């Protein structure tokens, strides 16, 4: 994708003023707060490592590649986030010693292996020009106020992409599936997962959006 200068985007959804910026443009001063949104939003996925979100934030803070995350700000504070990658790009650069220092040897090793093996693995069909959106999350206090809508609108308006995918959404996550459908995403794949019912869902759903040529924000 061509490098272009991005501008802040202000979006008003359901009366909430939302500014969307890329994490690296917000700077290192926001790293901790971005990480806290991330670990609180996906705490259920991390219970094998720790139930303490503060400890998880300590362990994960160093590894987020901020240029791959977009952050929704409400009154200057992170209210939600989403990631965007293409091809073989990764979202994380974990350091074993840092993770072990906060989670201990056994749980630190488990976290490191899972992050390397699952969170950093390119999805099937990944290629340059295909934008994969992931880790869409909204802080509980801002849920239902249009934060995720603003984030997704921003991402699908970025220049240089025509096709977007959202991989492996739980079929029980009706609010997310409904939001993506309203924005034009359609289901293109369903995947059965062993032991899914034990985790409270049946299958994982992937969705895709293909825009007309010329759609999206123009470089400035």
N, C-alpha and C. Protein backbone atom coordinates (compact mmCIF):
# COMPACT_ATOMS: atom_id res chain seq x y z
N UNK A 1 0.84 -1.18 0.00
CA UNK A 1 0.00 0.00 0.00
C UNK A 1 0.88 1.23 0.00
N UNK A 2 0.48 2.23 -0.79
CA UNK A 2 1.25 3.46 -0.87
C UNK A 2 1.17 4.20 0.45
N UNK A 3 2.28 4.83 0.82
CA UNK A 3 2.29 5.63 2.03
C UNK A 3 1.64 6.98 1.73
N UNK A 4 0.68 7.38 2.55
CA UNK A 4 0.03 8.67 2.39
C UNK A 4 -0.07 9.31 3.75
N UNK A 5 -0.19 10.61 3.77
CA UNK A 5 -0.44 11.30 5.03
C UNK A 5 -1.91 11.13 5.39
N UNK A 6 -2.18 10.81 6.65
CA UNK A 6 -3.55 10.68 7.11
C UNK A 6 -3.92 11.87 7.96
N UNK A 7 -5.19 12.20 7.93
CA UNK A 7 -5.69 13.31 8.74
C UNK A 7 -6.65 12.74 9.77
N UNK A 8 -6.79 13.47 10.88
CA UNK A 8 -7.75 13.05 11.89
C UNK A 8 -9.15 13.07 11.28
N UNK A 9 -9.96 12.10 11.65
CA UNK A 9 -11.34 12.06 11.18
C UNK A 9 -12.26 12.16 12.36
N UNK A 10 -13.17 13.15 12.31
CA UNK A 10 -14.15 13.33 13.36
C UNK A 10 -15.47 12.80 12.85
N UNK A 11 -16.08 11.90 13.60
CA UNK A 11 -17.33 11.27 13.20
C UNK A 11 -18.31 11.41 14.35
N UNK A 12 -19.50 11.86 14.05
CA UNK A 12 -20.53 11.94 15.07
C UNK A 12 -21.53 10.82 14.83
N UNK A 13 -21.62 9.90 15.78
CA UNK A 13 -22.54 8.78 15.68
C UNK A 13 -23.38 8.75 16.94
N UNK A 14 -24.70 8.78 16.76
CA UNK A 14 -25.61 8.76 17.91
C UNK A 14 -25.25 9.83 18.93
N UNK A 15 -24.85 11.00 18.43
CA UNK A 15 -24.57 12.12 19.31
C UNK A 15 -23.21 12.12 19.95
N UNK A 16 -22.38 11.09 19.69
CA UNK A 16 -21.04 11.01 20.28
C UNK A 16 -20.00 11.45 19.25
N UNK A 17 -19.16 12.39 19.63
CA UNK A 17 -18.10 12.85 18.75
C UNK A 17 -16.90 11.92 18.91
N UNK A 18 -16.53 11.27 17.82
CA UNK A 18 -15.46 10.28 17.86
C UNK A 18 -14.36 10.71 16.89
N UNK A 19 -13.13 10.76 17.39
CA UNK A 19 -11.96 11.02 16.56
C UNK A 19 -11.18 9.72 16.42
N UNK A 20 -10.86 9.34 15.19
CA UNK A 20 -10.11 8.11 14.95
C UNK A 20 -8.71 8.46 14.48
N UNK A 21 -7.72 7.92 15.18
CA UNK A 21 -6.32 8.14 14.82
C UNK A 21 -5.56 6.82 14.89
N UNK A 22 -4.48 6.74 14.12
CA UNK A 22 -3.62 5.57 14.20
C UNK A 22 -2.79 5.65 15.47
N UNK A 23 -2.52 4.48 16.05
CA UNK A 23 -1.86 4.45 17.34
C UNK A 23 -0.51 5.14 17.37
N UNK A 24 0.30 4.95 16.32
CA UNK A 24 1.62 5.56 16.33
C UNK A 24 1.55 7.07 16.18
N UNK A 25 0.45 7.58 15.60
CA UNK A 25 0.29 9.03 15.49
C UNK A 25 -0.10 9.63 16.84
N UNK A 26 -0.80 8.85 17.66
CA UNK A 26 -1.08 9.31 19.02
C UNK A 26 0.20 9.35 19.84
N UNK A 27 1.10 8.40 19.58
CA UNK A 27 2.41 8.41 20.23
C UNK A 27 2.50 7.48 21.42
N UNK A 28 3.72 7.35 21.93
CA UNK A 28 4.00 6.43 23.03
C UNK A 28 3.26 6.79 24.32
N UNK A 29 2.90 8.05 24.45
CA UNK A 29 2.17 8.47 25.64
C UNK A 29 0.81 7.80 25.76
N UNK A 30 0.30 7.27 24.65
CA UNK A 30 -0.99 6.58 24.66
C UNK A 30 -0.84 5.08 24.73
N UNK A 31 0.38 4.56 24.67
CA UNK A 31 0.57 3.11 24.58
C UNK A 31 -0.13 2.36 25.72
N UNK A 32 0.05 2.81 26.93
CA UNK A 32 -0.54 2.11 28.07
C UNK A 32 -2.05 2.10 27.98
N UNK A 33 -2.65 3.23 27.65
CA UNK A 33 -4.11 3.30 27.60
C UNK A 33 -4.67 2.45 26.47
N UNK A 34 -3.96 2.41 25.35
CA UNK A 34 -4.39 1.55 24.24
C UNK A 34 -4.33 0.09 24.66
N UNK A 35 -3.24 -0.29 25.34
CA UNK A 35 -3.09 -1.66 25.80
C UNK A 35 -4.19 -2.04 26.79
N UNK A 36 -4.54 -1.11 27.66
CA UNK A 36 -5.59 -1.40 28.64
C UNK A 36 -6.94 -1.64 27.97
N UNK A 37 -7.25 -0.88 26.93
CA UNK A 37 -8.48 -1.14 26.18
C UNK A 37 -8.43 -2.54 25.57
N UNK A 38 -7.28 -2.88 25.02
CA UNK A 38 -7.10 -4.19 24.39
C UNK A 38 -7.30 -5.33 25.39
N UNK A 39 -6.64 -5.28 26.53
CA UNK A 39 -6.72 -6.41 27.46
C UNK A 39 -8.08 -6.48 28.15
N UNK A 40 -8.69 -5.35 28.42
CA UNK A 40 -10.02 -5.39 29.03
C UNK A 40 -11.05 -5.96 28.06
N UNK A 41 -10.91 -5.62 26.80
CA UNK A 41 -11.89 -6.05 25.80
C UNK A 41 -11.80 -7.53 25.50
N UNK A 42 -10.59 -8.10 25.61
CA UNK A 42 -10.41 -9.50 25.25
C UNK A 42 -9.94 -10.32 26.45
N UNK A 43 -10.33 -9.87 27.65
CA UNK A 43 -9.88 -10.53 28.88
C UNK A 43 -10.28 -12.00 28.91
N UNK A 44 -11.44 -12.34 28.35
CA UNK A 44 -11.89 -13.74 28.36
C UNK A 44 -10.92 -14.64 27.61
N UNK A 45 -10.27 -14.10 26.60
CA UNK A 45 -9.32 -14.90 25.81
C UNK A 45 -7.99 -15.08 26.54
N UNK A 46 -7.77 -14.32 27.60
CA UNK A 46 -6.47 -14.33 28.27
C UNK A 46 -6.52 -14.95 29.68
N UNK A 47 -7.65 -15.56 30.04
CA UNK A 47 -7.78 -16.04 31.43
C UNK A 47 -6.75 -17.12 31.77
N UNK A 48 -6.28 -17.86 30.76
CA UNK A 48 -5.26 -18.89 31.03
C UNK A 48 -3.93 -18.26 31.41
N UNK A 49 -3.74 -17.00 31.04
CA UNK A 49 -2.49 -16.30 31.38
C UNK A 49 -2.62 -15.57 32.71
N UNK A 50 -3.75 -14.87 32.89
CA UNK A 50 -4.02 -14.15 34.13
C UNK A 50 -5.42 -13.58 34.07
N UNK A 51 -6.07 -13.49 35.23
CA UNK A 51 -7.36 -12.82 35.32
C UNK A 51 -7.21 -11.35 35.72
N UNK A 52 -5.99 -10.96 35.98
CA UNK A 52 -5.68 -9.60 36.40
C UNK A 52 -5.36 -8.77 35.16
N UNK A 53 -6.28 -7.89 34.75
CA UNK A 53 -6.05 -7.12 33.52
C UNK A 53 -4.89 -6.14 33.67
N UNK A 54 -4.63 -5.69 34.90
CA UNK A 54 -3.47 -4.83 35.11
C UNK A 54 -2.17 -5.56 34.83
N UNK A 55 -2.09 -6.80 35.29
CA UNK A 55 -0.89 -7.60 35.04
C UNK A 55 -0.75 -7.93 33.56
N UNK A 56 -1.87 -8.22 32.90
CA UNK A 56 -1.84 -8.48 31.46
C UNK A 56 -1.36 -7.24 30.70
N UNK A 57 -1.83 -6.08 31.12
CA UNK A 57 -1.39 -4.84 30.47
C UNK A 57 0.11 -4.64 30.67
N UNK A 58 0.61 -4.95 31.87
CA UNK A 58 2.05 -4.86 32.13
C UNK A 58 2.83 -5.77 31.17
N UNK A 59 2.31 -6.99 30.97
CA UNK A 59 3.00 -7.98 30.14
C UNK A 59 2.93 -7.67 28.66
N UNK A 60 1.81 -7.09 28.22
CA UNK A 60 1.57 -6.92 26.78
C UNK A 60 1.91 -5.52 26.26
N UNK A 61 2.08 -4.58 27.17
CA UNK A 61 2.24 -3.18 26.76
C UNK A 61 3.35 -3.00 25.73
N UNK A 62 4.45 -3.70 25.89
CA UNK A 62 5.61 -3.49 25.02
C UNK A 62 5.39 -4.00 23.60
N UNK A 63 4.47 -4.94 23.42
CA UNK A 63 4.46 -5.72 22.18
C UNK A 63 3.53 -5.18 21.09
N UNK A 64 2.61 -4.28 21.42
CA UNK A 64 1.69 -3.78 20.40
C UNK A 64 2.44 -2.90 19.39
N UNK A 65 2.27 -3.22 18.12
CA UNK A 65 2.81 -2.38 17.05
C UNK A 65 1.77 -1.31 16.77
N UNK A 66 1.99 -0.12 17.28
CA UNK A 66 0.96 0.91 17.31
C UNK A 66 0.53 1.36 15.92
N UNK A 67 1.41 1.21 14.92
CA UNK A 67 1.02 1.65 13.58
C UNK A 67 0.01 0.72 12.92
N UNK A 68 -0.28 -0.42 13.56
CA UNK A 68 -1.26 -1.36 13.01
C UNK A 68 -2.60 -1.26 13.73
N UNK A 69 -2.71 -0.37 14.72
CA UNK A 69 -3.94 -0.21 15.47
C UNK A 69 -4.52 1.19 15.25
N UNK A 70 -5.82 1.24 15.09
CA UNK A 70 -6.54 2.50 14.99
C UNK A 70 -7.36 2.67 16.26
N UNK A 71 -7.36 3.87 16.79
CA UNK A 71 -7.95 4.12 18.10
C UNK A 71 -9.06 5.16 17.97
N UNK A 72 -10.21 4.85 18.56
CA UNK A 72 -11.32 5.81 18.61
C UNK A 72 -11.21 6.58 19.91
N UNK A 73 -11.18 7.89 19.81
CA UNK A 73 -11.06 8.76 20.97
C UNK A 73 -12.38 9.49 21.21
N UNK A 74 -12.81 9.49 22.46
CA UNK A 74 -13.95 10.29 22.89
C UNK A 74 -13.45 11.20 24.00
N UNK A 75 -13.54 12.49 23.79
CA UNK A 75 -13.00 13.47 24.75
C UNK A 75 -11.52 13.21 25.02
N UNK A 76 -10.80 12.79 24.00
CA UNK A 76 -9.36 12.61 24.10
C UNK A 76 -8.90 11.30 24.70
N UNK A 77 -9.84 10.46 25.14
CA UNK A 77 -9.48 9.20 25.77
C UNK A 77 -9.85 8.03 24.86
N UNK A 78 -9.00 6.98 24.81
CA UNK A 78 -9.31 5.82 23.98
C UNK A 78 -10.62 5.16 24.43
N UNK A 79 -11.56 5.03 23.49
CA UNK A 79 -12.85 4.42 23.77
C UNK A 79 -13.04 3.12 23.00
N UNK A 80 -12.16 2.86 22.05
CA UNK A 80 -12.25 1.64 21.26
C UNK A 80 -11.06 1.53 20.36
N UNK A 81 -10.90 0.36 19.77
CA UNK A 81 -9.78 0.16 18.85
C UNK A 81 -10.12 -0.92 17.84
N UNK A 82 -9.33 -0.96 16.79
CA UNK A 82 -9.39 -2.01 15.78
C UNK A 82 -8.03 -2.07 15.10
N UNK A 83 -7.68 -3.23 14.63
CA UNK A 83 -6.40 -3.39 13.93
C UNK A 83 -6.63 -3.51 12.44
N UNK A 84 -5.60 -3.20 11.67
CA UNK A 84 -5.64 -3.38 10.22
C UNK A 84 -4.27 -3.82 9.74
N UNK A 85 -4.24 -4.95 9.05
CA UNK A 85 -3.00 -5.48 8.47
C UNK A 85 -3.26 -5.94 7.05
N UNK A 86 -2.18 -6.14 6.32
CA UNK A 86 -2.28 -6.74 4.99
C UNK A 86 -1.09 -7.67 4.79
N UNK A 87 -1.28 -8.66 3.93
CA UNK A 87 -0.20 -9.60 3.65
C UNK A 87 0.26 -10.29 4.91
N UNK A 88 1.57 -10.34 5.10
CA UNK A 88 2.14 -11.03 6.25
C UNK A 88 2.41 -10.13 7.43
N UNK A 89 1.84 -8.94 7.46
CA UNK A 89 2.08 -8.01 8.55
C UNK A 89 1.58 -8.58 9.88
N UNK A 90 2.31 -8.27 10.93
CA UNK A 90 1.94 -8.72 12.27
C UNK A 90 1.49 -7.54 13.10
N UNK A 91 0.77 -7.85 14.18
CA UNK A 91 0.30 -6.82 15.09
C UNK A 91 1.17 -6.67 16.32
N UNK A 92 2.02 -7.68 16.56
CA UNK A 92 2.74 -7.75 17.82
C UNK A 92 4.20 -8.09 17.62
N UNK A 93 5.02 -7.65 18.57
CA UNK A 93 6.44 -8.02 18.61
C UNK A 93 6.76 -8.39 20.06
N UNK A 94 6.32 -9.59 20.49
CA UNK A 94 6.48 -9.98 21.89
C UNK A 94 7.93 -10.29 22.26
N UNK A 95 8.31 -9.90 23.47
CA UNK A 95 9.62 -10.25 24.02
C UNK A 95 9.42 -11.20 25.18
N UNK A 96 10.02 -12.37 25.08
CA UNK A 96 9.83 -13.43 26.06
C UNK A 96 10.16 -12.97 27.47
N UNK A 97 11.28 -12.33 27.65
CA UNK A 97 11.69 -11.94 29.00
C UNK A 97 10.71 -10.96 29.63
N UNK A 98 10.16 -10.07 28.84
CA UNK A 98 9.22 -9.09 29.37
C UNK A 98 7.91 -9.76 29.78
N UNK A 99 7.44 -10.67 28.98
CA UNK A 99 6.21 -11.39 29.32
C UNK A 99 6.42 -12.25 30.56
N UNK A 100 7.55 -12.97 30.61
CA UNK A 100 7.84 -13.82 31.76
C UNK A 100 7.95 -12.99 33.04
N UNK A 101 8.52 -11.81 32.95
CA UNK A 101 8.72 -10.97 34.14
C UNK A 101 7.39 -10.65 34.82
N UNK A 102 6.33 -10.51 34.03
CA UNK A 102 5.05 -10.13 34.60
C UNK A 102 4.11 -11.30 34.84
N UNK A 103 4.24 -12.36 34.07
CA UNK A 103 3.31 -13.48 34.18
C UNK A 103 3.92 -14.72 34.81
N UNK A 104 5.23 -14.72 35.02
CA UNK A 104 5.88 -15.89 35.58
C UNK A 104 6.31 -16.87 34.50
N UNK A 105 7.04 -17.88 34.90
CA UNK A 105 7.62 -18.81 33.93
C UNK A 105 6.57 -19.60 33.16
N UNK A 106 5.69 -20.31 33.88
CA UNK A 106 4.75 -21.21 33.21
C UNK A 106 3.71 -20.45 32.39
N UNK A 107 3.05 -19.49 33.02
CA UNK A 107 2.01 -18.75 32.30
C UNK A 107 2.62 -17.80 31.28
N UNK A 108 3.80 -17.30 31.57
CA UNK A 108 4.49 -16.46 30.61
C UNK A 108 4.85 -17.23 29.35
N UNK A 109 5.32 -18.47 29.53
CA UNK A 109 5.66 -19.31 28.38
C UNK A 109 4.41 -19.63 27.57
N UNK A 110 3.33 -19.96 28.26
CA UNK A 110 2.07 -20.24 27.56
C UNK A 110 1.62 -19.03 26.75
N UNK A 111 1.66 -17.86 27.37
CA UNK A 111 1.24 -16.64 26.66
C UNK A 111 2.11 -16.39 25.45
N UNK A 112 3.41 -16.53 25.62
CA UNK A 112 4.34 -16.26 24.53
C UNK A 112 4.09 -17.22 23.36
N UNK A 113 3.90 -18.50 23.65
CA UNK A 113 3.66 -19.49 22.61
C UNK A 113 2.35 -19.23 21.88
N UNK A 114 1.30 -18.90 22.64
CA UNK A 114 0.01 -18.62 22.02
C UNK A 114 0.07 -17.38 21.15
N UNK A 115 0.69 -16.33 21.65
CA UNK A 115 0.80 -15.10 20.86
C UNK A 115 1.56 -15.34 19.57
N UNK A 116 2.69 -16.03 19.68
CA UNK A 116 3.50 -16.32 18.49
C UNK A 116 2.77 -17.25 17.53
N UNK A 117 2.06 -18.24 18.08
CA UNK A 117 1.47 -19.26 17.22
C UNK A 117 0.11 -18.91 16.65
N UNK A 118 -0.64 -18.08 17.37
CA UNK A 118 -1.99 -17.78 16.93
C UNK A 118 -2.19 -16.31 16.56
N UNK A 119 -1.77 -15.40 17.41
CA UNK A 119 -2.04 -14.00 17.16
C UNK A 119 -1.13 -13.40 16.09
N UNK A 120 -0.02 -14.06 15.78
CA UNK A 120 0.91 -13.51 14.80
C UNK A 120 0.91 -14.32 13.50
N UNK A 121 0.01 -15.26 13.38
CA UNK A 121 -0.05 -16.09 12.19
C UNK A 121 -0.92 -15.43 11.12
N UNK A 122 -0.39 -15.32 9.90
CA UNK A 122 -1.16 -14.72 8.81
C UNK A 122 -2.34 -15.61 8.48
N UNK A 123 -3.49 -15.02 8.22
CA UNK A 123 -4.67 -15.80 7.89
C UNK A 123 -4.57 -16.34 6.47
N UNK A 124 -5.33 -17.39 6.21
CA UNK A 124 -5.34 -17.97 4.87
C UNK A 124 -5.85 -16.93 3.87
N UNK A 125 -5.17 -16.82 2.75
CA UNK A 125 -5.57 -15.85 1.73
C UNK A 125 -5.01 -14.46 1.91
N UNK A 126 -4.21 -14.25 2.96
CA UNK A 126 -3.62 -12.93 3.17
C UNK A 126 -2.73 -12.55 1.99
N UNK A 127 -2.84 -11.30 1.57
CA UNK A 127 -2.03 -10.85 0.44
C UNK A 127 -1.97 -9.32 0.47
N UNK A 128 -0.98 -8.72 -0.17
CA UNK A 128 -0.93 -7.26 -0.26
C UNK A 128 -2.18 -6.73 -0.94
N UNK A 129 -2.71 -5.65 -0.41
CA UNK A 129 -3.90 -5.04 -0.98
C UNK A 129 -5.19 -5.53 -0.36
N UNK A 130 -5.15 -6.66 0.34
CA UNK A 130 -6.32 -7.16 1.06
C UNK A 130 -6.17 -6.74 2.52
N UNK A 131 -7.08 -5.92 3.00
CA UNK A 131 -6.99 -5.40 4.36
C UNK A 131 -7.75 -6.29 5.31
N UNK A 132 -7.06 -6.79 6.33
CA UNK A 132 -7.72 -7.61 7.34
C UNK A 132 -7.94 -6.77 8.60
N UNK A 133 -9.19 -6.64 8.98
CA UNK A 133 -9.56 -5.89 10.18
C UNK A 133 -9.75 -6.87 11.32
N UNK A 134 -9.21 -6.54 12.47
CA UNK A 134 -9.34 -7.44 13.61
C UNK A 134 -9.40 -6.69 14.93
N UNK A 135 -9.60 -7.44 16.00
CA UNK A 135 -9.60 -6.91 17.37
C UNK A 135 -10.47 -5.66 17.51
N UNK A 136 -11.65 -5.69 16.90
CA UNK A 136 -12.58 -4.57 17.03
C UNK A 136 -13.16 -4.60 18.44
N UNK A 137 -12.98 -3.51 19.17
CA UNK A 137 -13.39 -3.50 20.57
C UNK A 137 -13.83 -2.11 20.99
N UNK A 138 -14.77 -2.08 21.92
CA UNK A 138 -15.25 -0.83 22.50
C UNK A 138 -15.24 -0.94 24.01
N UNK A 139 -14.76 0.08 24.67
CA UNK A 139 -14.80 0.11 26.13
C UNK A 139 -16.26 0.00 26.61
N UNK A 140 -16.51 -0.73 27.69
CA UNK A 140 -17.88 -0.92 28.17
C UNK A 140 -18.65 0.39 28.35
N UNK A 141 -18.00 1.41 28.86
CA UNK A 141 -18.69 2.67 29.12
C UNK A 141 -19.16 3.35 27.84
N UNK A 142 -18.60 2.96 26.70
CA UNK A 142 -18.94 3.61 25.44
C UNK A 142 -19.69 2.69 24.49
N UNK A 143 -20.03 1.50 24.93
CA UNK A 143 -20.75 0.58 24.06
C UNK A 143 -22.15 1.11 23.76
N UNK A 144 -22.57 0.89 22.52
CA UNK A 144 -23.88 1.37 22.09
C UNK A 144 -23.92 2.83 21.71
N UNK A 145 -22.74 3.47 21.63
CA UNK A 145 -22.69 4.90 21.31
C UNK A 145 -22.05 5.17 19.95
N UNK A 146 -21.85 4.13 19.15
CA UNK A 146 -21.37 4.33 17.79
C UNK A 146 -19.87 4.34 17.63
N UNK A 147 -19.12 3.96 18.65
CA UNK A 147 -17.66 3.98 18.57
C UNK A 147 -17.16 2.99 17.53
N UNK A 148 -17.65 1.75 17.58
CA UNK A 148 -17.22 0.75 16.61
C UNK A 148 -17.63 1.14 15.20
N UNK A 149 -18.79 1.74 15.05
CA UNK A 149 -19.23 2.21 13.73
C UNK A 149 -18.26 3.24 13.17
N UNK A 150 -17.85 4.20 14.00
CA UNK A 150 -16.90 5.22 13.57
C UNK A 150 -15.57 4.60 13.15
N UNK A 151 -15.09 3.63 13.94
CA UNK A 151 -13.84 2.95 13.61
C UNK A 151 -13.92 2.25 12.26
N UNK A 152 -14.98 1.47 12.06
CA UNK A 152 -15.12 0.72 10.81
C UNK A 152 -15.29 1.65 9.62
N UNK A 153 -16.05 2.72 9.78
CA UNK A 153 -16.20 3.68 8.69
C UNK A 153 -14.85 4.27 8.29
N UNK A 154 -14.04 4.57 9.30
CA UNK A 154 -12.72 5.12 9.04
C UNK A 154 -11.85 4.13 8.27
N UNK A 155 -11.86 2.88 8.68
CA UNK A 155 -10.99 1.88 8.07
C UNK A 155 -11.38 1.60 6.61
N UNK A 156 -12.67 1.50 6.34
CA UNK A 156 -13.08 1.18 4.97
C UNK A 156 -12.99 2.39 4.05
N UNK A 157 -12.67 3.55 4.60
CA UNK A 157 -12.45 4.75 3.78
C UNK A 157 -10.98 5.02 3.53
N UNK A 158 -10.08 4.19 4.09
CA UNK A 158 -8.65 4.40 3.87
C UNK A 158 -8.29 4.19 2.41
N UNK A 159 -7.38 4.99 1.87
CA UNK A 159 -6.96 4.79 0.48
C UNK A 159 -6.08 3.56 0.34
N UNK A 160 -6.07 2.99 -0.86
CA UNK A 160 -5.16 1.89 -1.17
C UNK A 160 -5.76 0.52 -1.02
N UNK A 161 -6.99 0.44 -0.50
CA UNK A 161 -7.63 -0.86 -0.32
C UNK A 161 -8.97 -0.88 -1.04
N UNK A 162 -9.32 -2.03 -1.57
CA UNK A 162 -10.64 -2.23 -2.16
C UNK A 162 -11.39 -3.36 -1.46
N UNK A 163 -10.64 -4.32 -0.92
CA UNK A 163 -11.25 -5.49 -0.31
C UNK A 163 -10.83 -5.58 1.15
N UNK A 164 -11.81 -5.85 2.02
CA UNK A 164 -11.58 -5.94 3.46
C UNK A 164 -12.17 -7.26 3.96
N UNK A 165 -11.51 -7.86 4.94
CA UNK A 165 -12.04 -9.07 5.56
C UNK A 165 -12.01 -8.94 7.08
N UNK A 166 -12.98 -9.58 7.69
CA UNK A 166 -13.05 -9.74 9.15
C UNK A 166 -13.11 -11.24 9.39
N UNK A 167 -12.09 -11.78 10.05
CA UNK A 167 -11.98 -13.22 10.19
C UNK A 167 -12.44 -13.70 11.56
N UNK A 168 -13.05 -14.88 11.56
CA UNK A 168 -13.32 -15.66 12.78
C UNK A 168 -14.09 -14.90 13.85
N UNK A 169 -15.30 -14.49 13.48
CA UNK A 169 -16.22 -13.87 14.43
C UNK A 169 -17.11 -14.97 14.99
N UNK A 170 -17.29 -15.02 16.29
CA UNK A 170 -18.18 -16.02 16.87
C UNK A 170 -19.60 -15.81 16.37
N UNK A 171 -20.26 -16.91 15.99
CA UNK A 171 -21.60 -16.80 15.44
C UNK A 171 -22.61 -16.30 16.46
N UNK A 172 -22.27 -16.31 17.74
CA UNK A 172 -23.14 -15.80 18.78
C UNK A 172 -22.98 -14.29 19.01
N UNK A 173 -22.01 -13.69 18.34
CA UNK A 173 -21.76 -12.26 18.52
C UNK A 173 -22.66 -11.46 17.58
N UNK A 174 -23.96 -11.47 17.89
CA UNK A 174 -24.94 -10.84 17.02
C UNK A 174 -24.70 -9.34 16.83
N UNK A 175 -24.34 -8.57 17.88
CA UNK A 175 -24.12 -7.13 17.66
C UNK A 175 -23.03 -6.85 16.64
N UNK A 176 -21.90 -7.59 16.72
CA UNK A 176 -20.81 -7.38 15.77
C UNK A 176 -21.23 -7.78 14.37
N UNK A 177 -21.85 -8.94 14.23
CA UNK A 177 -22.28 -9.39 12.91
C UNK A 177 -23.28 -8.42 12.29
N UNK A 178 -24.17 -7.89 13.12
CA UNK A 178 -25.14 -6.93 12.62
C UNK A 178 -24.49 -5.63 12.16
N UNK A 179 -23.53 -5.15 12.95
CA UNK A 179 -22.82 -3.92 12.58
C UNK A 179 -22.09 -4.11 11.26
N UNK A 180 -21.35 -5.20 11.12
CA UNK A 180 -20.59 -5.42 9.90
C UNK A 180 -21.52 -5.54 8.69
N UNK A 181 -22.66 -6.19 8.87
CA UNK A 181 -23.61 -6.33 7.77
C UNK A 181 -24.16 -4.96 7.35
N UNK A 182 -24.45 -4.10 8.33
CA UNK A 182 -24.96 -2.76 8.01
C UNK A 182 -23.95 -1.94 7.22
N UNK A 183 -22.66 -2.22 7.44
CA UNK A 183 -21.61 -1.49 6.72
C UNK A 183 -21.29 -2.13 5.37
N UNK A 184 -22.00 -3.19 5.00
CA UNK A 184 -21.84 -3.78 3.68
C UNK A 184 -21.07 -5.07 3.63
N UNK A 185 -20.60 -5.57 4.78
CA UNK A 185 -19.88 -6.84 4.81
C UNK A 185 -20.86 -7.99 4.65
N UNK A 186 -20.44 -9.02 3.93
CA UNK A 186 -21.25 -10.21 3.76
C UNK A 186 -20.46 -11.45 4.18
N UNK A 187 -21.15 -12.47 4.63
CA UNK A 187 -20.49 -13.70 5.07
C UNK A 187 -19.91 -14.42 3.85
N UNK A 188 -18.64 -14.80 3.94
CA UNK A 188 -18.03 -15.55 2.84
C UNK A 188 -17.44 -16.88 3.29
N UNK A 189 -17.46 -17.14 4.60
CA UNK A 189 -16.89 -18.40 5.08
C UNK A 189 -17.41 -18.70 6.49
N UNK A 190 -17.67 -19.97 6.74
CA UNK A 190 -18.04 -20.44 8.07
C UNK A 190 -17.12 -21.60 8.43
N UNK A 191 -16.68 -21.65 9.67
CA UNK A 191 -15.71 -22.67 10.06
C UNK A 191 -16.12 -23.29 11.40
N UNK A 192 -16.25 -24.62 11.37
CA UNK A 192 -16.52 -25.34 12.60
C UNK A 192 -15.23 -25.44 13.41
N UNK A 193 -15.37 -25.40 14.72
CA UNK A 193 -14.22 -25.46 15.62
C UNK A 193 -14.49 -26.52 16.68
N UNK A 194 -13.49 -27.36 16.94
CA UNK A 194 -13.65 -28.36 18.00
C UNK A 194 -13.86 -27.69 19.35
N UNK A 195 -14.75 -28.25 20.10
CA UNK A 195 -15.05 -27.78 21.46
C UNK A 195 -15.66 -26.37 21.47
N UNK A 196 -16.15 -25.91 20.33
CA UNK A 196 -16.73 -24.57 20.29
C UNK A 196 -17.91 -24.44 21.23
N UNK A 197 -18.75 -25.48 21.29
CA UNK A 197 -19.94 -25.39 22.14
C UNK A 197 -19.57 -25.18 23.60
N UNK A 198 -18.44 -25.74 24.01
CA UNK A 198 -18.00 -25.53 25.40
C UNK A 198 -17.68 -24.07 25.66
N UNK A 199 -17.28 -23.37 24.61
CA UNK A 199 -16.96 -21.95 24.73
C UNK A 199 -18.17 -21.07 24.44
N UNK A 200 -19.32 -21.69 24.17
CA UNK A 200 -20.55 -20.92 24.03
C UNK A 200 -20.91 -20.49 22.63
N UNK A 201 -20.28 -21.08 21.61
CA UNK A 201 -20.66 -20.74 20.24
C UNK A 201 -20.63 -22.00 19.39
N UNK A 202 -21.06 -21.89 18.14
CA UNK A 202 -21.15 -23.05 17.26
C UNK A 202 -20.08 -23.05 16.18
N UNK A 203 -19.88 -21.90 15.55
CA UNK A 203 -18.91 -21.80 14.47
C UNK A 203 -18.35 -20.39 14.39
N UNK A 204 -17.27 -20.26 13.63
CA UNK A 204 -16.65 -18.96 13.39
C UNK A 204 -17.03 -18.48 11.99
N UNK A 205 -17.38 -17.22 11.92
CA UNK A 205 -17.86 -16.61 10.68
C UNK A 205 -16.84 -15.59 10.19
N UNK A 206 -16.56 -15.61 8.88
CA UNK A 206 -15.70 -14.59 8.28
C UNK A 206 -16.53 -13.78 7.29
N UNK A 207 -16.27 -12.47 7.25
CA UNK A 207 -17.05 -11.57 6.41
C UNK A 207 -16.12 -10.77 5.51
N UNK A 208 -16.68 -10.32 4.40
CA UNK A 208 -15.86 -9.62 3.40
C UNK A 208 -16.63 -8.44 2.84
N UNK A 209 -15.90 -7.40 2.51
CA UNK A 209 -16.45 -6.22 1.83
C UNK A 209 -15.57 -5.92 0.62
N UNK A 210 -16.17 -5.86 -0.54
CA UNK A 210 -15.47 -5.47 -1.76
C UNK A 210 -16.12 -4.19 -2.26
N UNK A 211 -15.37 -3.13 -2.28
CA UNK A 211 -15.90 -1.83 -2.67
C UNK A 211 -15.67 -1.59 -4.15
N UNK A 212 -16.48 -0.70 -4.70
CA UNK A 212 -16.29 -0.29 -6.09
C UNK A 212 -14.96 0.39 -6.25
N UNK A 213 -14.37 0.27 -7.43
CA UNK A 213 -13.13 0.98 -7.70
C UNK A 213 -13.34 2.46 -7.47
N UNK A 214 -12.38 3.07 -6.79
CA UNK A 214 -12.47 4.50 -6.54
C UNK A 214 -13.09 4.84 -5.20
N UNK A 215 -13.63 3.81 -4.51
CA UNK A 215 -14.17 4.08 -3.18
C UNK A 215 -13.04 4.31 -2.20
N UNK A 216 -13.36 4.98 -1.11
CA UNK A 216 -12.34 5.23 -0.10
C UNK A 216 -11.83 6.65 -0.15
N UNK A 217 -11.15 7.08 0.88
CA UNK A 217 -10.63 8.43 0.97
C UNK A 217 -9.44 8.60 0.06
N UNK A 218 -9.35 9.72 -0.55
CA UNK A 218 -8.26 10.02 -1.47
C UNK A 218 -7.03 10.52 -0.71
N UNK A 219 -5.81 10.17 -1.19
CA UNK A 219 -4.61 10.74 -0.59
C UNK A 219 -4.62 12.26 -0.72
N UNK A 220 -4.07 12.92 0.28
CA UNK A 220 -4.02 14.39 0.24
C UNK A 220 -2.59 14.85 0.03
